Amino acid sequence: DKGLLQGVAKGARRSLKRFVNCFET
């Protein structure tokens, strides 16, 4: 709905719950 965006994922490299396997290209 919004096209190309940028976002910051705080603590994503340490998180075991919030971003599980989400950031593979």
mmCIF file of all heavy atoms, coordinates in Angstrom:
data_MODEL
# 
_entry.id   MODEL 
# 
loop_
_atom_site.group_PDB 
_atom_site.id 
_atom_site.type_symbol 
_atom_site.label_atom_id 
_atom_site.label_alt_id 
_atom_site.label_comp_id 
_atom_site.label_asym_id 
_atom_site.label_entity_id 
_atom_site.label_seq_id 
_atom_site.pdbx_PDB_ins_code 
_atom_site.Cartn_x 
_atom_site.Cartn_y 
_atom_site.Cartn_z 
_atom_site.occupancy 
_atom_site.B_iso_or_equiv 
_atom_site.pdbx_formal_charge 
_atom_site.auth_seq_id 
_atom_site.auth_comp_id 
_atom_site.auth_asym_id 
_atom_site.auth_atom_id 
_atom_site.pdbx_PDB_model_num 
ATOM 1   N N   . ASP A 1 1  ? 0.791  -1.228  0.000  1.00 0.00 ? 1  ASP A N   1 
ATOM 2   C CA  . ASP A 1 1  ? 0.000  0.000   0.000  1.00 0.00 ? 1  ASP A CA  1 
ATOM 3   C C   . ASP A 1 1  ? 0.827  1.284   0.000  1.00 0.00 ? 1  ASP A C   1 
ATOM 4   O O   . ASP A 1 1  ? 0.315  2.353   -0.320 1.00 0.00 ? 1  ASP A O   1 
ATOM 5   C CB  . ASP A 1 1  ? -0.939 0.022   1.218  1.00 0.00 ? 1  ASP A CB  1 
ATOM 6   C CG  . ASP A 1 1  ? -0.186 -0.112  2.534  1.00 0.00 ? 1  ASP A CG  1 
ATOM 7   O OD1 . ASP A 1 1  ? 0.969  -0.576  2.515  1.00 0.00 ? 1  ASP A OD1 1 
ATOM 8   O OD2 . ASP A 1 1  ? -0.757 0.252   3.582  1.00 0.00 ? 1  ASP A OD2 1 
ATOM 9   N N   . LYS A 1 2  ? 2.116  1.195   0.335  1.00 0.00 ? 2  LYS A N   1 
ATOM 10  C CA  . LYS A 1 2  ? 2.936  2.406   0.447  1.00 0.00 ? 2  LYS A CA  1 
ATOM 11  C C   . LYS A 1 2  ? 4.192  2.397   -0.414 1.00 0.00 ? 2  LYS A C   1 
ATOM 12  O O   . LYS A 1 2  ? 4.892  3.389   -0.492 1.00 0.00 ? 2  LYS A O   1 
ATOM 13  C CB  . LYS A 1 2  ? 3.333  2.635   1.910  1.00 0.00 ? 2  LYS A CB  1 
ATOM 14  C CG  . LYS A 1 2  ? 2.172  3.018   2.822  1.00 0.00 ? 2  LYS A CG  1 
ATOM 15  C CD  . LYS A 1 2  ? 2.676  3.328   4.222  1.00 0.00 ? 2  LYS A CD  1 
ATOM 16  C CE  . LYS A 1 2  ? 1.567  3.883   5.117  1.00 0.00 ? 2  LYS A CE  1 
ATOM 17  N NZ  . LYS A 1 2  ? 0.465  2.953   5.301  1.00 0.00 ? 2  LYS A NZ  1 
ATOM 18  N N   . GLY A 1 3  ? 4.527  1.282   -1.047 1.00 0.00 ? 3  GLY A N   1 
ATOM 19  C CA  . GLY A 1 3  ? 5.702  1.226   -1.899 1.00 0.00 ? 3  GLY A CA  1 
ATOM 20  C C   . GLY A 1 3  ? 6.993  1.019   -1.118 1.00 0.00 ? 3  GLY A C   1 
ATOM 21  O O   . GLY A 1 3  ? 7.011  0.367   -0.075 1.00 0.00 ? 3  GLY A O   1 
ATOM 22  N N   . LEU A 1 4  ? 8.070  1.610   -1.624 1.00 0.00 ? 4  LEU A N   1 
ATOM 23  C CA  . LEU A 1 4  ? 9.403  1.401   -1.044 1.00 0.00 ? 4  LEU A CA  1 
ATOM 24  C C   . LEU A 1 4  ? 9.574  2.218   0.236  1.00 0.00 ? 4  LEU A C   1 
ATOM 25  O O   . LEU A 1 4  ? 9.408  3.437   0.229  1.00 0.00 ? 4  LEU A O   1 
ATOM 26  C CB  . LEU A 1 4  ? 10.470 1.804   -2.068 1.00 0.00 ? 4  LEU A CB  1 
ATOM 27  C CG  . LEU A 1 4  ? 11.906 1.375   -1.777 1.00 0.00 ? 4  LEU A CG  1 
ATOM 28  C CD1 . LEU A 1 4  ? 12.037 -0.149  -1.820 1.00 0.00 ? 4  LEU A CD1 1 
ATOM 29  C CD2 . LEU A 1 4  ? 12.853 1.998   -2.796 1.00 0.00 ? 4  LEU A CD2 1 
ATOM 30  N N   . LEU A 1 5  ? 9.935  1.527   1.322  1.00 0.00 ? 5  LEU A N   1 
ATOM 31  C CA  . LEU A 1 5  ? 10.074 2.173   2.624  1.00 0.00 ? 5  LEU A CA  1 
ATOM 32  C C   . LEU A 1 5  ? 11.358 1.723   3.309  1.00 0.00 ? 5  LEU A C   1 
ATOM 33  O O   . LEU A 1 5  ? 11.938 0.695   2.953  1.00 0.00 ? 5  LEU A O   1 
ATOM 34  C CB  . LEU A 1 5  ? 8.890  1.820   3.532  1.00 0.00 ? 5  LEU A CB  1 
ATOM 35  C CG  . LEU A 1 5  ? 7.484  2.205   3.053  1.00 0.00 ? 5  LEU A CG  1 
ATOM 36  C CD1 . LEU A 1 5  ? 6.441  1.624   3.997  1.00 0.00 ? 5  LEU A CD1 1 
ATOM 37  C CD2 . LEU A 1 5  ? 7.341  3.718   2.957  1.00 0.00 ? 5  LEU A CD2 1 
ATOM 38  N N   . GLN A 1 6  ? 11.770 2.509   4.310  1.00 0.00 ? 6  GLN A N   1 
ATOM 39  C CA  . GLN A 1 6  ? 12.894 2.139   5.170  1.00 0.00 ? 6  GLN A CA  1 
ATOM 40  C C   . GLN A 1 6  ? 12.418 2.080   6.609  1.00 0.00 ? 6  GLN A C   1 
ATOM 41  O O   . GLN A 1 6  ? 11.614 2.909   7.036  1.00 0.00 ? 6  GLN A O   1 
ATOM 42  C CB  . GLN A 1 6  ? 14.030 3.162   5.062  1.00 0.00 ? 6  GLN A CB  1 
ATOM 43  C CG  . GLN A 1 6  ? 14.768 3.143   3.743  1.00 0.00 ? 6  GLN A CG  1 
ATOM 44  C CD  . GLN A 1 6  ? 16.015 4.012   3.787  1.00 0.00 ? 6  GLN A CD  1 
ATOM 45  O OE1 . GLN A 1 6  ? 16.457 4.421   4.854  1.00 0.00 ? 6  GLN A OE1 1 
ATOM 46  N NE2 . GLN A 1 6  ? 16.581 4.275   2.629  1.00 0.00 ? 6  GLN A NE2 1 
ATOM 47  N N   . GLY A 1 7  ? 12.921 1.102   7.333  1.00 0.00 ? 7  GLY A N   1 
ATOM 48  C CA  . GLY A 1 7  ? 12.546 0.986   8.735  1.00 0.00 ? 7  GLY A CA  1 
ATOM 49  C C   . GLY A 1 7  ? 13.724 0.542   9.581  1.00 0.00 ? 7  GLY A C   1 
ATOM 50  O O   . GLY A 1 7  ? 14.625 -0.145  9.090  1.00 0.00 ? 7  GLY A O   1 
ATOM 51  N N   . VAL A 1 8  ? 13.732 0.951   10.838 1.00 0.00 ? 8  VAL A N   1 
ATOM 52  C CA  . VAL A 1 8  ? 14.776 0.548   11.780 1.00 0.00 ? 8  VAL A CA  1 
ATOM 53  C C   . VAL A 1 8  ? 14.200 -0.497  12.726 1.00 0.00 ? 8  VAL A C   1 
ATOM 54  O O   . VAL A 1 8  ? 13.154 -0.284  13.341 1.00 0.00 ? 8  VAL A O   1 
ATOM 55  C CB  . VAL A 1 8  ? 15.299 1.751   12.584 1.00 0.00 ? 8  VAL A CB  1 
ATOM 56  C CG1 . VAL A 1 8  ? 16.278 1.278   13.666 1.00 0.00 ? 8  VAL A CG1 1 
ATOM 57  C CG2 . VAL A 1 8  ? 15.979 2.751   11.656 1.00 0.00 ? 8  VAL A CG2 1 
ATOM 58  N N   . ALA A 1 9  ? 14.879 -1.619  12.812 1.00 0.00 ? 9  ALA A N   1 
ATOM 59  C CA  . ALA A 1 9  ? 14.488 -2.686  13.730 1.00 0.00 ? 9  ALA A CA  1 
ATOM 60  C C   . ALA A 1 9  ? 15.450 -2.666  14.915 1.00 0.00 ? 9  ALA A C   1 
ATOM 61  O O   . ALA A 1 9  ? 16.567 -3.171  14.840 1.00 0.00 ? 9  ALA A O   1 
ATOM 62  C CB  . ALA A 1 9  ? 14.523 -4.040  13.023 1.00 0.00 ? 9  ALA A CB  1 
ATOM 63  N N   . LYS A 1 10 ? 15.005 -2.061  16.004 1.00 0.00 ? 10 LYS A N   1 
ATOM 64  C CA  . LYS A 1 10 ? 15.841 -1.937  17.197 1.00 0.00 ? 10 LYS A CA  1 
ATOM 65  C C   . LYS A 1 10 ? 16.074 -3.304  17.841 1.00 0.00 ? 10 LYS A C   1 
ATOM 66  O O   . LYS A 1 10 ? 15.143 -4.069  18.072 1.00 0.00 ? 10 LYS A O   1 
ATOM 67  C CB  . LYS A 1 10 ? 15.166 -1.014  18.212 1.00 0.00 ? 10 LYS A CB  1 
ATOM 68  C CG  . LYS A 1 10 ? 15.116 0.445   17.810 1.00 0.00 ? 10 LYS A CG  1 
ATOM 69  C CD  . LYS A 1 10 ? 16.463 1.100   17.996 1.00 0.00 ? 10 LYS A CD  1 
ATOM 70  C CE  . LYS A 1 10 ? 16.389 2.608   17.791 1.00 0.00 ? 10 LYS A CE  1 
ATOM 71  N NZ  . LYS A 1 10 ? 17.703 3.249   17.987 1.00 0.00 ? 10 LYS A NZ  1 
ATOM 72  N N   . GLY A 1 11 ? 17.331 -3.590  18.106 1.00 0.00 ? 11 GLY A N   1 
ATOM 73  C CA  . GLY A 1 11 ? 17.682 -4.830  18.790 1.00 0.00 ? 11 GLY A CA  1 
ATOM 74  C C   . GLY A 1 11 ? 17.351 -6.085  18.014 1.00 0.00 ? 11 GLY A C   1 
ATOM 75  O O   . GLY A 1 11 ? 17.260 -7.175  18.592 1.00 0.00 ? 11 GLY A O   1 
ATOM 76  N N   . ALA A 1 12 ? 17.182 -5.970  16.689 1.00 0.00 ? 12 ALA A N   1 
ATOM 77  C CA  . ALA A 1 12 ? 16.766 -7.118  15.882 1.00 0.00 ? 12 ALA A CA  1 
ATOM 78  C C   . ALA A 1 12 ? 17.792 -8.246  15.871 1.00 0.00 ? 12 ALA A C   1 
ATOM 79  O O   . ALA A 1 12 ? 17.443 -9.422  15.780 1.00 0.00 ? 12 ALA A O   1 
ATOM 80  C CB  . ALA A 1 12 ? 16.487 -6.667  14.450 1.00 0.00 ? 12 ALA A CB  1 
ATOM 81  N N   . ARG A 1 13 ? 19.073 -7.901  15.995 1.00 0.00 ? 13 ARG A N   1 
ATOM 82  C CA  . ARG A 1 13 ? 20.103 -8.938  15.952 1.00 0.00 ? 13 ARG A CA  1 
ATOM 83  C C   . ARG A 1 13 ? 20.147 -9.743  17.248 1.00 0.00 ? 13 ARG A C   1 
ATOM 84  O O   . ARG A 1 13 ? 20.717 -10.829 17.279 1.00 0.00 ? 13 ARG A O   1 
ATOM 85  C CB  . ARG A 1 13 ? 21.475 -8.293  15.695 1.00 0.00 ? 13 ARG A CB  1 
ATOM 86  C CG  . ARG A 1 13 ? 21.542 -7.575  14.341 1.00 0.00 ? 13 ARG A CG  1 
ATOM 87  C CD  . ARG A 1 13 ? 22.871 -6.882  14.153 1.00 0.00 ? 13 ARG A CD  1 
ATOM 88  N NE  . ARG A 1 13 ? 23.963 -7.837  14.111 1.00 0.00 ? 13 ARG A NE  1 
ATOM 89  C CZ  . ARG A 1 13 ? 25.251 -7.494  14.200 1.00 0.00 ? 13 ARG A CZ  1 
ATOM 90  N NH1 . ARG A 1 13 ? 25.580 -6.222  14.363 1.00 0.00 ? 13 ARG A NH1 1 
ATOM 91  N NH2 . ARG A 1 13 ? 26.177 -8.413  14.153 1.00 0.00 ? 13 ARG A NH2 1 
ATOM 92  N N   . ARG A 1 14 ? 19.522 -9.230  18.290 1.00 0.00 ? 14 ARG A N   1 
ATOM 93  C CA  . ARG A 1 14 ? 19.486 -9.946  19.564 1.00 0.00 ? 14 ARG A CA  1 
ATOM 94  C C   . ARG A 1 14 ? 18.134 -10.588 19.836 1.00 0.00 ? 14 ARG A C   1 
ATOM 95  O O   . ARG A 1 14 ? 18.026 -11.494 20.664 1.00 0.00 ? 14 ARG A O   1 
ATOM 96  C CB  . ARG A 1 14 ? 19.808 -8.984  20.708 1.00 0.00 ? 14 ARG A CB  1 
ATOM 97  C CG  . ARG A 1 14 ? 21.211 -8.422  20.675 1.00 0.00 ? 14 ARG A CG  1 
ATOM 98  C CD  . ARG A 1 14 ? 21.405 -7.426  21.809 1.00 0.00 ? 14 ARG A CD  1 
ATOM 99  N NE  . ARG A 1 14 ? 22.753 -6.887  21.848 1.00 0.00 ? 14 ARG A NE  1 
ATOM 100 C CZ  . ARG A 1 14 ? 23.141 -5.924  22.679 1.00 0.00 ? 14 ARG A CZ  1 
ATOM 101 N NH1 . ARG A 1 14 ? 22.264 -5.403  23.530 1.00 0.00 ? 14 ARG A NH1 1 
ATOM 102 N NH2 . ARG A 1 14 ? 24.381 -5.478  22.652 1.00 0.00 ? 14 ARG A NH2 1 
ATOM 103 N N   . SER A 1 15 ? 17.102 -10.107 19.146 1.00 0.00 ? 15 SER A N   1 
ATOM 104 C CA  . SER A 1 15 ? 15.742 -10.563 19.424 1.00 0.00 ? 15 SER A CA  1 
ATOM 105 C C   . SER A 1 15 ? 15.531 -11.995 18.956 1.00 0.00 ? 15 SER A C   1 
ATOM 106 O O   . SER A 1 15 ? 15.879 -12.365 17.826 1.00 0.00 ? 15 SER A O   1 
ATOM 107 C CB  . SER A 1 15 ? 14.726 -9.652  18.734 1.00 0.00 ? 15 SER A CB  1 
ATOM 108 O OG  . SER A 1 15 ? 13.423 -10.149 18.897 1.00 0.00 ? 15 SER A OG  1 
ATOM 109 N N   . LEU A 1 16 ? 14.928 -12.806 19.822 1.00 0.00 ? 16 LEU A N   1 
ATOM 110 C CA  . LEU A 1 16 ? 14.620 -14.197 19.487 1.00 0.00 ? 16 LEU A CA  1 
ATOM 111 C C   . LEU A 1 16 ? 13.135 -14.396 19.224 1.00 0.00 ? 16 LEU A C   1 
ATOM 112 O O   . LEU A 1 16 ? 12.707 -15.497 18.875 1.00 0.00 ? 16 LEU A O   1 
ATOM 113 C CB  . LEU A 1 16 ? 15.067 -15.117 20.627 1.00 0.00 ? 16 LEU A CB  1 
ATOM 114 C CG  . LEU A 1 16 ? 16.565 -15.105 20.964 1.00 0.00 ? 16 LEU A CG  1 
ATOM 115 C CD1 . LEU A 1 16 ? 16.842 -16.027 22.141 1.00 0.00 ? 16 LEU A CD1 1 
ATOM 116 C CD2 . LEU A 1 16 ? 17.395 -15.521 19.754 1.00 0.00 ? 16 LEU A CD2 1 
ATOM 117 N N   . LYS A 1 17 ? 12.336 -13.338 19.391 1.00 0.00 ? 17 LYS A N   1 
ATOM 118 C CA  . LYS A 1 17 ? 10.890 -13.476 19.259 1.00 0.00 ? 17 LYS A CA  1 
ATOM 119 C C   . LYS A 1 17 ? 10.273 -12.500 18.243 1.00 0.00 ? 17 LYS A C   1 
ATOM 120 O O   . LYS A 1 17 ? 9.373  -12.867 17.499 1.00 0.00 ? 17 LYS A O   1 
ATOM 121 C CB  . LYS A 1 17 ? 10.218 -13.266 20.619 1.00 0.00 ? 17 LYS A CB  1 
ATOM 122 C CG  . LYS A 1 17 ? 10.553 -14.338 21.653 1.00 0.00 ? 17 LYS A CG  1 
ATOM 123 C CD  . LYS A 1 17 ? 9.796  -14.080 22.946 1.00 0.00 ? 17 LYS A CD  1 
ATOM 124 C CE  . LYS A 1 17 ? 10.098 -15.159 23.979 1.00 0.00 ? 17 LYS A CE  1 
ATOM 125 N NZ  . LYS A 1 17 ? 9.360  -14.923 25.256 1.00 0.00 ? 17 LYS A NZ  1 
ATOM 126 N N   . ARG A 1 18 ? 10.727 -11.248 18.201 1.00 0.00 ? 18 ARG A N   1 
ATOM 127 C CA  . ARG A 1 18 ? 10.031 -10.236 17.415 1.00 0.00 ? 18 ARG A CA  1 
ATOM 128 C C   . ARG A 1 18 ? 10.257 -10.359 15.909 1.00 0.00 ? 18 ARG A C   1 
ATOM 129 O O   . ARG A 1 18 ? 9.381  -10.011 15.117 1.00 0.00 ? 18 ARG A O   1 
ATOM 130 C CB  . ARG A 1 18 ? 10.463 -8.840  17.873 1.00 0.00 ? 18 ARG A CB  1 
ATOM 131 C CG  . ARG A 1 18 ? 10.007 -8.492  19.289 1.00 0.00 ? 18 ARG A CG  1 
ATOM 132 C CD  . ARG A 1 18 ? 10.311 -7.033  19.616 1.00 0.00 ? 18 ARG A CD  1 
ATOM 133 N NE  . ARG A 1 18 ? 11.752 -6.765  19.569 1.00 0.00 ? 18 ARG A NE  1 
ATOM 134 C CZ  . ARG A 1 18 ? 12.305 -5.765  18.901 1.00 0.00 ? 18 ARG A CZ  1 
ATOM 135 N NH1 . ARG A 1 18 ? 11.547 -4.940  18.191 1.00 0.00 ? 18 ARG A NH1 1 
ATOM 136 N NH2 . ARG A 1 18 ? 13.615 -5.576  18.917 1.00 0.00 ? 18 ARG A NH2 1 
ATOM 137 N N   . PHE A 1 19 ? 11.433 -10.833 15.485 1.00 0.00 ? 19 PHE A N   1 
ATOM 138 C CA  . PHE A 1 19 ? 11.752 -10.862 14.058 1.00 0.00 ? 19 PHE A CA  1 
ATOM 139 C C   . PHE A 1 19 ? 12.353 -12.204 13.639 1.00 0.00 ? 19 PHE A C   1 
ATOM 140 O O   . PHE A 1 19 ? 13.385 -12.251 12.976 1.00 0.00 ? 19 PHE A O   1 
ATOM 141 C CB  . PHE A 1 19 ? 12.734 -9.736  13.717 1.00 0.00 ? 19 PHE A CB  1 
ATOM 142 C CG  . PHE A 1 19 ? 12.241 -8.359  14.046 1.00 0.00 ? 19 PHE A CG  1 
ATOM 143 C CD1 . PHE A 1 19 ? 12.764 -7.663  15.125 1.00 0.00 ? 19 PHE A CD1 1 
ATOM 144 C CD2 . PHE A 1 19 ? 11.260 -7.761  13.282 1.00 0.00 ? 19 PHE A CD2 1 
ATOM 145 C CE1 . PHE A 1 19 ? 12.327 -6.382  15.429 1.00 0.00 ? 19 PHE A CE1 1 
ATOM 146 C CE2 . PHE A 1 19 ? 10.813 -6.483  13.576 1.00 0.00 ? 19 PHE A CE2 1 
ATOM 147 C CZ  . PHE A 1 19 ? 11.337 -5.790  14.650 1.00 0.00 ? 19 PHE A CZ  1 
ATOM 148 N N   . VAL A 1 20 ? 11.714 -13.294 13.981 1.00 0.00 ? 20 VAL A N   1 
ATOM 149 C CA  . VAL A 1 20 ? 12.259 -14.619 13.685 1.00 0.00 ? 20 VAL A CA  1 
ATOM 150 C C   . VAL A 1 20 ? 12.266 -14.864 12.174 1.00 0.00 ? 20 VAL A C   1 
ATOM 151 O O   . VAL A 1 20 ? 11.213 -14.903 11.530 1.00 0.00 ? 20 VAL A O   1 
ATOM 152 C CB  . VAL A 1 20 ? 11.439 -15.713 14.392 1.00 0.00 ? 20 VAL A CB  1 
ATOM 153 C CG1 . VAL A 1 20 ? 12.015 -17.078 14.054 1.00 0.00 ? 20 VAL A CG1 1 
ATOM 154 C CG2 . VAL A 1 20 ? 11.444 -15.485 15.888 1.00 0.00 ? 20 VAL A CG2 1 
ATOM 155 N N   . ASN A 1 21 ? 13.464 -15.004 11.587 1.00 0.00 ? 21 ASN A N   1 
ATOM 156 C CA  . ASN A 1 21 ? 13.651 -15.316 10.161 1.00 0.00 ? 21 ASN A CA  1 
ATOM 157 C C   . ASN A 1 21 ? 12.974 -14.309 9.228  1.00 0.00 ? 21 ASN A C   1 
ATOM 158 O O   . ASN A 1 21 ? 12.616 -14.643 8.098  1.00 0.00 ? 21 ASN A O   1 
ATOM 159 C CB  . ASN A 1 21 ? 13.120 -16.720 9.848  1.00 0.00 ? 21 ASN A CB  1 
ATOM 160 C CG  . ASN A 1 21 ? 13.838 -17.793 10.617 1.00 0.00 ? 21 ASN A CG  1 
ATOM 161 O OD1 . ASN A 1 21 ? 15.037 -17.712 10.856 1.00 0.00 ? 21 ASN A OD1 1 
ATOM 162 N ND2 . ASN A 1 21 ? 13.107 -18.816 11.032 1.00 0.00 ? 21 ASN A ND2 1 
ATOM 163 N N   . CYS A 1 22 ? 12.828 -13.072 9.694  1.00 0.00 ? 22 CYS A N   1 
ATOM 164 C CA  . CYS A 1 22 ? 12.092 -12.075 8.908  1.00 0.00 ? 22 CYS A CA  1 
ATOM 165 C C   . CYS A 1 22 ? 12.942 -11.317 7.896  1.00 0.00 ? 22 CYS A C   1 
ATOM 166 O O   . CYS A 1 22 ? 12.399 -10.790 6.923  1.00 0.00 ? 22 CYS A O   1 
ATOM 167 C CB  . CYS A 1 22 ? 11.433 -11.062 9.849  1.00 0.00 ? 22 CYS A CB  1 
ATOM 168 S SG  . CYS A 1 22 ? 9.950  -11.675 10.644 1.00 0.00 ? 22 CYS A SG  1 
ATOM 169 N N   . PHE A 1 23 ? 14.228 -11.225 8.126  1.00 0.00 ? 23 PHE A N   1 
ATOM 170 C CA  . PHE A 1 23 ? 15.031 -10.294 7.348  1.00 0.00 ? 23 PHE A CA  1 
ATOM 171 C C   . PHE A 1 23 ? 15.983 -10.960 6.370  1.00 0.00 ? 23 PHE A C   1 
ATOM 172 O O   . PHE A 1 23 ? 17.034 -10.407 6.026  1.00 0.00 ? 23 PHE A O   1 
ATOM 173 C CB  . PHE A 1 23 ? 15.780 -9.353  8.295  1.00 0.00 ? 23 PHE A CB  1 
ATOM 174 C CG  . PHE A 1 23 ? 14.859 -8.477  9.103  1.00 0.00 ? 23 PHE A CG  1 
ATOM 175 C CD1 . PHE A 1 23 ? 15.119 -8.199  10.429 1.00 0.00 ? 23 PHE A CD1 1 
ATOM 176 C CD2 . PHE A 1 23 ? 13.715 -7.949  8.535  1.00 0.00 ? 23 PHE A CD2 1 
ATOM 177 C CE1 . PHE A 1 23 ? 14.270 -7.398  11.177 1.00 0.00 ? 23 PHE A CE1 1 
ATOM 178 C CE2 . PHE A 1 23 ? 12.850 -7.148  9.265  1.00 0.00 ? 23 PHE A CE2 1 
ATOM 179 C CZ  . PHE A 1 23 ? 13.126 -6.872  10.592 1.00 0.00 ? 23 PHE A CZ  1 
ATOM 180 N N   . GLU A 1 24 ? 15.612 -12.149 5.882  1.00 0.00 ? 24 GLU A N   1 
ATOM 181 C CA  . GLU A 1 24 ? 16.313 -12.741 4.746  1.00 0.00 ? 24 GLU A CA  1 
ATOM 182 C C   . GLU A 1 24 ? 15.818 -12.029 3.485  1.00 0.00 ? 24 GLU A C   1 
ATOM 183 O O   . GLU A 1 24 ? 14.623 -11.801 3.316  1.00 0.00 ? 24 GLU A O   1 
ATOM 184 C CB  . GLU A 1 24 ? 16.021 -14.235 4.646  1.00 0.00 ? 24 GLU A CB  1 
ATOM 185 C CG  . GLU A 1 24 ? 16.642 -15.080 5.746  1.00 0.00 ? 24 GLU A CG  1 
ATOM 186 C CD  . GLU A 1 24 ? 18.138 -15.264 5.546  1.00 0.00 ? 24 GLU A CD  1 
ATOM 187 O OE1 . GLU A 1 24 ? 18.612 -15.090 4.403  1.00 0.00 ? 24 GLU A OE1 1 
ATOM 188 O OE2 . GLU A 1 24 ? 18.829 -15.568 6.533  1.00 0.00 ? 24 GLU A OE2 1 
ATOM 189 N N   . THR A 1 25 ? 16.734 -11.679 2.599  1.00 0.00 ? 25 THR A N   1 
ATOM 190 C CA  . THR A 1 25 ? 16.334 -11.034 1.355  1.00 0.00 ? 25 THR A CA  1 
ATOM 191 C C   . THR A 1 25 ? 15.385 -11.937 0.576  1.00 0.00 ? 25 THR A C   1 
ATOM 192 O O   . THR A 1 25 ? 15.486 -13.154 0.646  1.00 0.00 ? 25 THR A O   1 
ATOM 193 C CB  . THR A 1 25 ? 17.572 -10.728 0.494  1.00 0.00 ? 25 THR A CB  1 
ATOM 194 O OG1 . THR A 1 25 ? 18.551 -10.071 1.296  1.00 0.00 ? 25 THR A OG1 1 
ATOM 195 C CG2 . THR A 1 25 ? 17.212 -9.810  -0.667 1.00 0.00 ? 25 THR A CG2 1 
# 
